[in-house]
Amino acid sequence: LLHFVDLDSTAHTYGPYTKQAHDCLELTDTYIAEILAAAPKNAIVALVSDHGFERVDREISVPILDMELELQGK
């Protein structure tokens, strides 16, 4: 039975520090532990990640900020 976890989508949907994201990380840890337990002693296991998450409280559009600064003469 294949189980799929997607922390990236979960964190984008619910936020990086939410219960849903934490649960997804816990499930990922469980799967990694199962893989390591099932792997032969001489196996090489590589884990990779594309990025982490940080909460964003405010977004700034650089082009809009630039236009506003030009209008203000700055």
N, C-alpha and C. Protein backbone atom coordinates (compact mmCIF):
# COMPACT_ATOMS: atom_id res chain seq x y z
N LEU A 1 0.85 -1.18 0.00
CA LEU A 1 0.00 0.00 0.00
C LEU A 1 0.90 1.24 0.00
N LEU A 2 0.72 2.11 -0.97
CA LEU A 2 1.51 3.32 -1.11
C LEU A 2 0.79 4.49 -0.44
N HIS A 3 1.52 5.18 0.42
CA HIS A 3 0.99 6.39 1.06
C HIS A 3 1.83 7.56 0.56
N PHE A 4 1.19 8.64 0.26
CA PHE A 4 1.88 9.81 -0.29
C PHE A 4 1.73 10.97 0.68
N VAL A 5 2.82 11.61 1.01
CA VAL A 5 2.77 12.82 1.83
C VAL A 5 3.39 13.96 1.03
N ASP A 6 2.84 15.14 1.17
CA ASP A 6 3.32 16.29 0.41
C ASP A 6 3.35 17.51 1.33
N LEU A 7 4.46 17.66 2.05
CA LEU A 7 4.59 18.78 2.97
C LEU A 7 4.50 20.11 2.24
N ASP A 8 5.05 20.19 1.04
CA ASP A 8 5.02 21.44 0.28
C ASP A 8 3.59 21.93 0.08
N SER A 9 2.74 21.07 -0.43
CA SER A 9 1.34 21.46 -0.66
C SER A 9 0.61 21.73 0.65
N THR A 10 0.87 20.90 1.65
CA THR A 10 0.22 21.08 2.94
C THR A 10 0.61 22.42 3.56
N ALA A 11 1.89 22.76 3.53
CA ALA A 11 2.35 24.02 4.11
C ALA A 11 1.85 25.22 3.32
N HIS A 12 1.76 25.09 2.00
CA HIS A 12 1.22 26.19 1.20
C HIS A 12 -0.27 26.37 1.47
N THR A 13 -0.98 25.29 1.70
CA THR A 13 -2.42 25.36 1.91
C THR A 13 -2.77 25.85 3.31
N TYR A 14 -2.13 25.27 4.34
CA TYR A 14 -2.51 25.54 5.72
C TYR A 14 -1.54 26.45 6.47
N GLY A 15 -0.33 26.60 5.95
CA GLY A 15 0.70 27.38 6.64
C GLY A 15 1.78 26.45 7.14
N PRO A 16 3.02 26.97 7.24
CA PRO A 16 4.15 26.11 7.58
C PRO A 16 4.19 25.64 9.02
N TYR A 17 3.52 26.30 9.94
CA TYR A 17 3.62 25.91 11.35
C TYR A 17 2.27 25.46 11.92
N THR A 18 1.41 24.98 11.05
CA THR A 18 0.09 24.55 11.47
C THR A 18 0.11 23.09 11.91
N LYS A 19 -0.98 22.66 12.53
CA LYS A 19 -1.11 21.27 12.94
C LYS A 19 -1.02 20.34 11.73
N GLN A 20 -1.62 20.75 10.61
CA GLN A 20 -1.59 19.91 9.41
C GLN A 20 -0.16 19.72 8.92
N ALA A 21 0.63 20.79 8.91
CA ALA A 21 2.02 20.68 8.46
C ALA A 21 2.82 19.83 9.44
N HIS A 22 2.60 20.01 10.73
CA HIS A 22 3.29 19.20 11.74
C HIS A 22 2.94 17.72 11.57
N ASP A 23 1.66 17.43 11.38
CA ASP A 23 1.22 16.04 11.19
C ASP A 23 1.88 15.43 9.95
N CYS A 24 2.00 16.23 8.89
CA CYS A 24 2.65 15.75 7.66
C CYS A 24 4.12 15.43 7.92
N LEU A 25 4.80 16.27 8.69
CA LEU A 25 6.20 16.01 9.04
C LEU A 25 6.33 14.76 9.90
N GLU A 26 5.42 14.58 10.84
CA GLU A 26 5.44 13.39 11.69
C GLU A 26 5.26 12.13 10.85
N LEU A 27 4.35 12.17 9.89
CA LEU A 27 4.12 11.02 9.03
C LEU A 27 5.35 10.75 8.16
N THR A 28 5.97 11.80 7.66
CA THR A 28 7.20 11.65 6.89
C THR A 28 8.29 11.00 7.73
N ASP A 29 8.44 11.44 8.97
CA ASP A 29 9.43 10.84 9.87
C ASP A 29 9.15 9.35 10.09
N THR A 30 7.88 9.02 10.23
CA THR A 30 7.50 7.61 10.42
C THR A 30 7.89 6.79 9.20
N TYR A 31 7.61 7.30 8.01
CA TYR A 31 7.97 6.58 6.78
C TYR A 31 9.48 6.42 6.64
N ILE A 32 10.23 7.46 6.98
CA ILE A 32 11.69 7.36 6.91
C ILE A 32 12.19 6.28 7.87
N ALA A 33 11.64 6.26 9.07
CA ALA A 33 12.03 5.23 10.04
C ALA A 33 11.72 3.83 9.52
N GLU A 34 10.58 3.66 8.87
CA GLU A 34 10.21 2.36 8.31
C GLU A 34 11.16 1.95 7.18
N ILE A 35 11.52 2.91 6.35
CA ILE A 35 12.47 2.63 5.25
C ILE A 35 13.81 2.21 5.82
N LEU A 36 14.31 2.95 6.80
CA LEU A 36 15.60 2.63 7.40
C LEU A 36 15.58 1.27 8.10
N ALA A 37 14.47 0.95 8.75
CA ALA A 37 14.35 -0.34 9.44
C ALA A 37 14.32 -1.49 8.44
N ALA A 38 13.74 -1.27 7.26
CA ALA A 38 13.62 -2.34 6.26
C ALA A 38 14.85 -2.46 5.37
N ALA A 39 15.67 -1.45 5.34
CA ALA A 39 16.84 -1.45 4.46
C ALA A 39 17.92 -2.40 4.99
N PRO A 40 18.63 -3.05 4.08
CA PRO A 40 19.75 -3.89 4.52
C PRO A 40 20.80 -3.05 5.25
N LYS A 41 21.56 -3.69 6.12
CA LYS A 41 22.56 -2.97 6.93
C LYS A 41 23.57 -2.21 6.07
N ASN A 42 23.89 -2.73 4.89
CA ASN A 42 24.89 -2.07 4.04
C ASN A 42 24.26 -1.12 3.02
N ALA A 43 22.98 -0.84 3.15
CA ALA A 43 22.29 0.05 2.21
C ALA A 43 22.74 1.49 2.40
N ILE A 44 22.74 2.22 1.31
CA ILE A 44 22.98 3.67 1.35
C ILE A 44 21.63 4.33 1.09
N VAL A 45 21.21 5.16 2.01
CA VAL A 45 19.92 5.85 1.87
C VAL A 45 20.21 7.35 1.80
N ALA A 46 19.71 8.01 0.78
CA ALA A 46 19.90 9.45 0.62
C ALA A 46 18.55 10.15 0.76
N LEU A 47 18.51 11.17 1.59
CA LEU A 47 17.31 11.99 1.74
C LEU A 47 17.60 13.37 1.18
N VAL A 48 16.70 13.89 0.38
CA VAL A 48 16.89 15.21 -0.21
C VAL A 48 15.65 16.06 0.01
N SER A 49 15.84 17.35 -0.06
CA SER A 49 14.74 18.29 0.10
C SER A 49 14.97 19.47 -0.83
N ASP A 50 13.91 20.08 -1.31
CA ASP A 50 14.09 21.21 -2.21
C ASP A 50 14.14 22.55 -1.49
N HIS A 51 13.48 22.71 -0.35
CA HIS A 51 13.52 23.96 0.40
C HIS A 51 12.78 23.80 1.71
N GLY A 52 12.87 24.82 2.54
CA GLY A 52 12.13 24.86 3.79
C GLY A 52 11.05 25.91 3.70
N PHE A 53 10.45 26.22 4.82
CA PHE A 53 9.36 27.20 4.85
C PHE A 53 9.62 28.24 5.91
N GLU A 54 9.12 29.40 5.66
CA GLU A 54 9.13 30.48 6.63
C GLU A 54 7.78 31.18 6.52
N ARG A 55 7.20 31.55 7.65
CA ARG A 55 5.92 32.24 7.62
C ARG A 55 6.10 33.62 7.00
N VAL A 56 5.16 34.02 6.17
CA VAL A 56 5.19 35.34 5.53
C VAL A 56 4.00 36.13 6.05
N ASP A 57 4.29 37.27 6.68
CA ASP A 57 3.22 38.11 7.21
C ASP A 57 2.84 39.25 6.27
N ARG A 58 3.78 39.59 5.33
CA ARG A 58 3.52 40.70 4.42
C ARG A 58 4.24 40.44 3.11
N GLU A 59 3.58 40.73 2.00
CA GLU A 59 4.20 40.60 0.69
C GLU A 59 4.34 41.98 0.08
N ILE A 60 5.44 42.20 -0.64
CA ILE A 60 5.68 43.48 -1.30
C ILE A 60 5.91 43.21 -2.79
N SER A 61 5.19 43.94 -3.62
CA SER A 61 5.40 43.87 -5.06
C SER A 61 6.47 44.89 -5.42
N VAL A 62 7.61 44.44 -5.87
CA VAL A 62 8.71 45.34 -6.20
C VAL A 62 8.32 46.32 -7.31
N PRO A 63 7.68 45.87 -8.40
CA PRO A 63 7.30 46.85 -9.44
C PRO A 63 6.34 47.91 -8.94
N ILE A 64 5.39 47.53 -8.11
CA ILE A 64 4.42 48.51 -7.58
C ILE A 64 5.12 49.46 -6.61
N LEU A 65 6.00 48.93 -5.76
CA LEU A 65 6.76 49.77 -4.85
C LEU A 65 7.60 50.77 -5.62
N ASP A 66 8.23 50.30 -6.69
CA ASP A 66 9.05 51.18 -7.53
C ASP A 66 8.20 52.31 -8.13
N MET A 67 7.01 51.97 -8.63
CA MET A 67 6.12 53.01 -9.20
C MET A 67 5.72 54.00 -8.14
N GLU A 68 5.39 53.52 -6.94
CA GLU A 68 4.98 54.43 -5.86
C GLU A 68 6.12 55.37 -5.47
N LEU A 69 7.33 54.84 -5.43
CA LEU A 69 8.48 55.68 -5.09
C LEU A 69 8.74 56.72 -6.19
N GLU A 70 8.55 56.34 -7.45
CA GLU A 70 8.73 57.30 -8.56
C GLU A 70 7.68 58.41 -8.46
N LEU A 71 6.43 58.04 -8.13
CA LEU A 71 5.38 59.04 -8.00
C LEU A 71 5.66 60.00 -6.85
N GLN A 72 6.33 59.51 -5.82
CA GLN A 72 6.67 60.35 -4.66
C GLN A 72 7.96 61.13 -4.89
N GLY A 73 8.60 60.89 -6.03
CA GLY A 73 9.84 61.60 -6.35
C GLY A 73 11.05 61.08 -5.58
N LYS A 74 11.00 59.85 -5.17
CA LYS A 74 12.12 59.26 -4.40
C LYS A 74 12.94 58.33 -5.25
